[in-house]
Amino acid sequence: VVFAEFGVSTKDIGYNSSFRDTIYKLVYKNLVDSAKKGGSGAGSLMWQLFPEGTDYMNDGYAVVLSKASSIADMISLNSARFELINIACGWHCRWGCKKRLLAVDQSLSQSQP
């Protein structure tokens, strides 16, 4: 399962970055929880990651990482979480390694935002 095209528009009435961050945290939390349990969560596609200098194309959903440090930090943190999960439970084990994931749980819970 891939969480696709999720985001929050800055053009929505009442928009605030705290709400946007909450939505992103929820998506990433669900993906990490699924991966830890050997579930079907496979990734996410945020809508829209823009490079610096493309503000003229922004439809309200654009995230420019240099201007959204909380989102940049979240992406980095969750990439590290997935790396830990993948190291602890490689593809070859067919997700039967819940015992080894107990140590990963401790590492991941210490990095919870």
C-alpha atoms as a PDB file:
ATOM      1  CA  VAL A   1       0.000   0.000   0.000  1.00  0.00           C
ATOM      2  CA  VAL A   2       1.326   3.440  -0.891  1.00  0.00           C
ATOM      3  CA  PHE A   3      -0.054   6.618   0.656  1.00  0.00           C
ATOM      4  CA  ALA A   4      -0.239   8.709  -2.485  1.00  0.00           C
ATOM      5  CA  GLU A   5      -0.655  12.411  -3.123  1.00  0.00           C
ATOM      6  CA  PHE A   6      -1.207  13.506   0.462  1.00  0.00           C
ATOM      7  CA  GLY A   7      -0.747  17.088   1.542  1.00  0.00           C
ATOM      8  CA  VAL A   8      -2.428  20.227   2.829  1.00  0.00           C
ATOM      9  CA  SER A   9      -3.037  23.339   0.761  1.00  0.00           C
ATOM     10  CA  THR A  10      -1.817  26.670   2.062  1.00  0.00           C
ATOM     11  CA  LYS A  11      -4.821  28.120   0.216  1.00  0.00           C
ATOM     12  CA  ASP A  12      -7.328  26.317   2.437  1.00  0.00           C
ATOM     13  CA  ILE A  13      -9.249  28.567   4.818  1.00  0.00           C
ATOM     14  CA  GLY A  14      -7.701  28.278   8.267  1.00  0.00           C
ATOM     15  CA  TYR A  15      -4.474  26.680   6.992  1.00  0.00           C
ATOM     16  CA  ASN A  16      -1.613  26.491   9.440  1.00  0.00           C
ATOM     17  CA  SER A  17       1.668  24.627   9.338  1.00  0.00           C
ATOM     18  CA  SER A  18       0.883  22.810  12.585  1.00  0.00           C
ATOM     19  CA  PHE A  19      -2.094  21.079  10.939  1.00  0.00           C
ATOM     20  CA  ARG A  20       0.046  20.230   7.905  1.00  0.00           C
ATOM     21  CA  ASP A  21       2.708  18.725  10.170  1.00  0.00           C
ATOM     22  CA  THR A  22       0.060  16.666  11.978  1.00  0.00           C
ATOM     23  CA  ILE A  23      -1.160  15.167   8.684  1.00  0.00           C
ATOM     24  CA  TYR A  24       2.382  14.283   7.618  1.00  0.00           C
ATOM     25  CA  LYS A  25       3.179  12.765  11.038  1.00  0.00           C
ATOM     26  CA  LEU A  26       0.032  10.645  10.824  1.00  0.00           C
ATOM     27  CA  VAL A  27       0.934   9.284   7.394  1.00  0.00           C
ATOM     28  CA  TYR A  28       4.524   8.503   8.400  1.00  0.00           C
ATOM     29  CA  LYS A  29       3.443   6.956  11.712  1.00  0.00           C
ATOM     30  CA  ASN A  30       1.038   4.619   9.922  1.00  0.00           C
ATOM     31  CA  LEU A  31       3.728   3.585   7.447  1.00  0.00           C
ATOM     32  CA  VAL A  32       6.321   2.906  10.143  1.00  0.00           C
ATOM     33  CA  ASP A  33       3.791   1.010  12.270  1.00  0.00           C
ATOM     34  CA  SER A  34       2.823  -1.103   9.267  1.00  0.00           C
ATOM     35  CA  ALA A  35       6.461  -1.849   8.400  1.00  0.00           C
ATOM     36  CA  LYS A  36       7.278  -2.832  11.998  1.00  0.00           C
ATOM     37  CA  LYS A  37       4.414  -5.328  11.960  1.00  0.00           C
ATOM     38  CA  GLY A  38       5.314  -6.716   8.548  1.00  0.00           C
ATOM     39  CA  GLY A  39       2.224  -5.084   7.061  1.00  0.00           C
ATOM     40  CA  SER A  40       1.597  -3.816   3.603  1.00  0.00           C
ATOM     41  CA  GLY A  41       2.651  -0.169   4.052  1.00  0.00           C
ATOM     42  CA  ALA A  42       5.241   0.353   1.344  1.00  0.00           C
ATOM     43  CA  GLY A  43       5.817   4.067   0.963  1.00  0.00           C
ATOM     44  CA  SER A  44       4.385   7.505   0.424  1.00  0.00           C
ATOM     45  CA  LEU A  45       4.180  10.180  -2.231  1.00  0.00           C
ATOM     46  CA  MET A  46       3.696  13.628  -0.789  1.00  0.00           C
ATOM     47  CA  TRP A  47       1.976  16.217  -2.940  1.00  0.00           C
ATOM     48  CA  GLN A  48       4.078  18.244  -3.946  1.00  0.00           C
ATOM     49  CA  LEU A  49       7.792  18.448  -3.270  1.00  0.00           C
ATOM     50  CA  PHE A  50       9.167  21.492  -5.103  1.00  0.00           C
ATOM     51  CA  PRO A  51      12.749  22.602  -5.665  1.00  0.00           C
ATOM     52  CA  GLU A  52      13.867  26.066  -4.646  1.00  0.00           C
ATOM     53  CA  GLY A  53      12.794  28.799  -7.087  1.00  0.00           C
ATOM     54  CA  THR A  54       9.612  27.194  -8.406  1.00  0.00           C
ATOM     55  CA  ASP A  55       7.150  29.180  -6.304  1.00  0.00           C
ATOM     56  CA  TYR A  56       5.424  30.429  -9.449  1.00  0.00           C
ATOM     57  CA  MET A  57       4.049  26.886 -10.009  1.00  0.00           C
ATOM     58  CA  ASN A  58       2.729  26.483  -6.453  1.00  0.00           C
ATOM     59  CA  ASP A  59      -0.935  25.495  -6.372  1.00  0.00           C
ATOM     60  CA  GLY A  60      -0.951  25.670  -2.574  1.00  0.00           C
ATOM     61  CA  TYR A  61       0.323  22.140  -1.957  1.00  0.00           C
ATOM     62  CA  ALA A  62       3.992  22.791  -2.691  1.00  0.00           C
ATOM     63  CA  VAL A  63       6.555  21.964  -0.028  1.00  0.00           C
ATOM     64  CA  VAL A  64       9.982  23.501  -0.504  1.00  0.00           C
ATOM     65  CA  LEU A  65      12.198  21.749   2.028  1.00  0.00           C
ATOM     66  CA  SER A  66      14.401  24.781   2.668  1.00  0.00           C
ATOM     67  CA  LYS A  67      11.252  26.677   3.707  1.00  0.00           C
ATOM     68  CA  ALA A  68       9.605  23.804   5.603  1.00  0.00           C
ATOM     69  CA  SER A  69      12.216  22.525   8.041  1.00  0.00           C
ATOM     70  CA  SER A  70       9.679  20.522  10.040  1.00  0.00           C
ATOM     71  CA  ILE A  71       8.739  18.510   6.932  1.00  0.00           C
ATOM     72  CA  ALA A  72      12.391  18.106   5.935  1.00  0.00           C
ATOM     73  CA  ASP A  73      13.163  16.802   9.440  1.00  0.00           C
ATOM     74  CA  MET A  74      10.188  14.429   9.290  1.00  0.00           C
ATOM     75  CA  ILE A  75      11.272  12.980   5.946  1.00  0.00           C
ATOM     76  CA  SER A  76      14.821  12.499   7.228  1.00  0.00           C
ATOM     77  CA  LEU A  77      13.685  10.912  10.497  1.00  0.00           C
ATOM     78  CA  ASN A  78      11.311   8.500   8.795  1.00  0.00           C
ATOM     79  CA  SER A  79      13.908   7.524   6.220  1.00  0.00           C
ATOM     80  CA  ALA A  80      16.174   6.572   9.132  1.00  0.00           C
ATOM     81  CA  ARG A  81      13.331   4.639  10.766  1.00  0.00           C
ATOM     82  CA  PHE A  82      12.741   2.628   7.596  1.00  0.00           C
ATOM     83  CA  GLU A  83      16.445   1.971   7.294  1.00  0.00           C
ATOM     84  CA  LEU A  84      16.508   0.557  10.852  1.00  0.00           C
ATOM     85  CA  ILE A  85      13.506  -1.642  10.089  1.00  0.00           C
ATOM     86  CA  ASN A  86      15.060  -2.899   6.864  1.00  0.00           C
ATOM     87  CA  ILE A  87      18.364  -3.652   8.585  1.00  0.00           C
ATOM     88  CA  ALA A  88      16.615  -5.569  11.373  1.00  0.00           C
ATOM     89  CA  CYS A  89      14.344  -7.462   9.054  1.00  0.00           C
ATOM     90  CA  GLY A  90      15.726  -8.000   5.582  1.00  0.00           C
ATOM     91  CA  TRP A  91      13.610  -9.159   2.703  1.00  0.00           C
ATOM     92  CA  HIS A  92      15.005 -12.680   3.018  1.00  0.00           C
ATOM     93  CA  CYS A  93      13.289 -13.245   6.360  1.00  0.00           C
ATOM     94  CA  ARG A  94       9.809 -12.783   4.871  1.00  0.00           C
ATOM     95  CA  TRP A  95       8.757 -10.571   7.777  1.00  0.00           C
ATOM     96  CA  GLY A  96       9.081 -13.400  10.293  1.00  0.00           C
ATOM     97  CA  CYS A  97      11.535 -11.511  12.454  1.00  0.00           C
ATOM     98  CA  LYS A  98       9.298  -9.812  15.000  1.00  0.00           C
ATOM     99  CA  LYS A  99      11.707 -10.830  17.769  1.00  0.00           C
ATOM    100  CA  ARG A 100      14.507  -8.767  16.210  1.00  0.00           C
ATOM    101  CA  LEU A 101      12.137  -5.825  15.746  1.00  0.00           C
ATOM    102  CA  LEU A 102      11.796  -5.419  19.509  1.00  0.00           C
ATOM    103  CA  ALA A 103      15.192  -3.703  19.562  1.00  0.00           C
ATOM    104  CA  VAL A 104      14.143  -1.538  16.636  1.00  0.00           C
ATOM    105  CA  ASP A 105      11.003  -0.498  18.544  1.00  0.00           C
ATOM    106  CA  GLN A 106      13.196   0.971  21.268  1.00  0.00           C
ATOM    107  CA  SER A 107      15.308   2.908  18.754  1.00  0.00           C
ATOM    108  CA  LEU A 108      12.253   4.200  16.928  1.00  0.00           C
ATOM    109  CA  SER A 109      10.371   5.227  20.042  1.00  0.00           C
ATOM    110  CA  GLN A 110      13.366   7.278  21.208  1.00  0.00           C
ATOM    111  CA  SER A 111      13.224   9.259  17.964  1.00  0.00           C
ATOM    112  CA  GLN A 112       9.484   9.951  18.045  1.00  0.00           C
ATOM    113  CA  PRO A 113       8.776  13.649  17.489  1.00  0.00           C
END
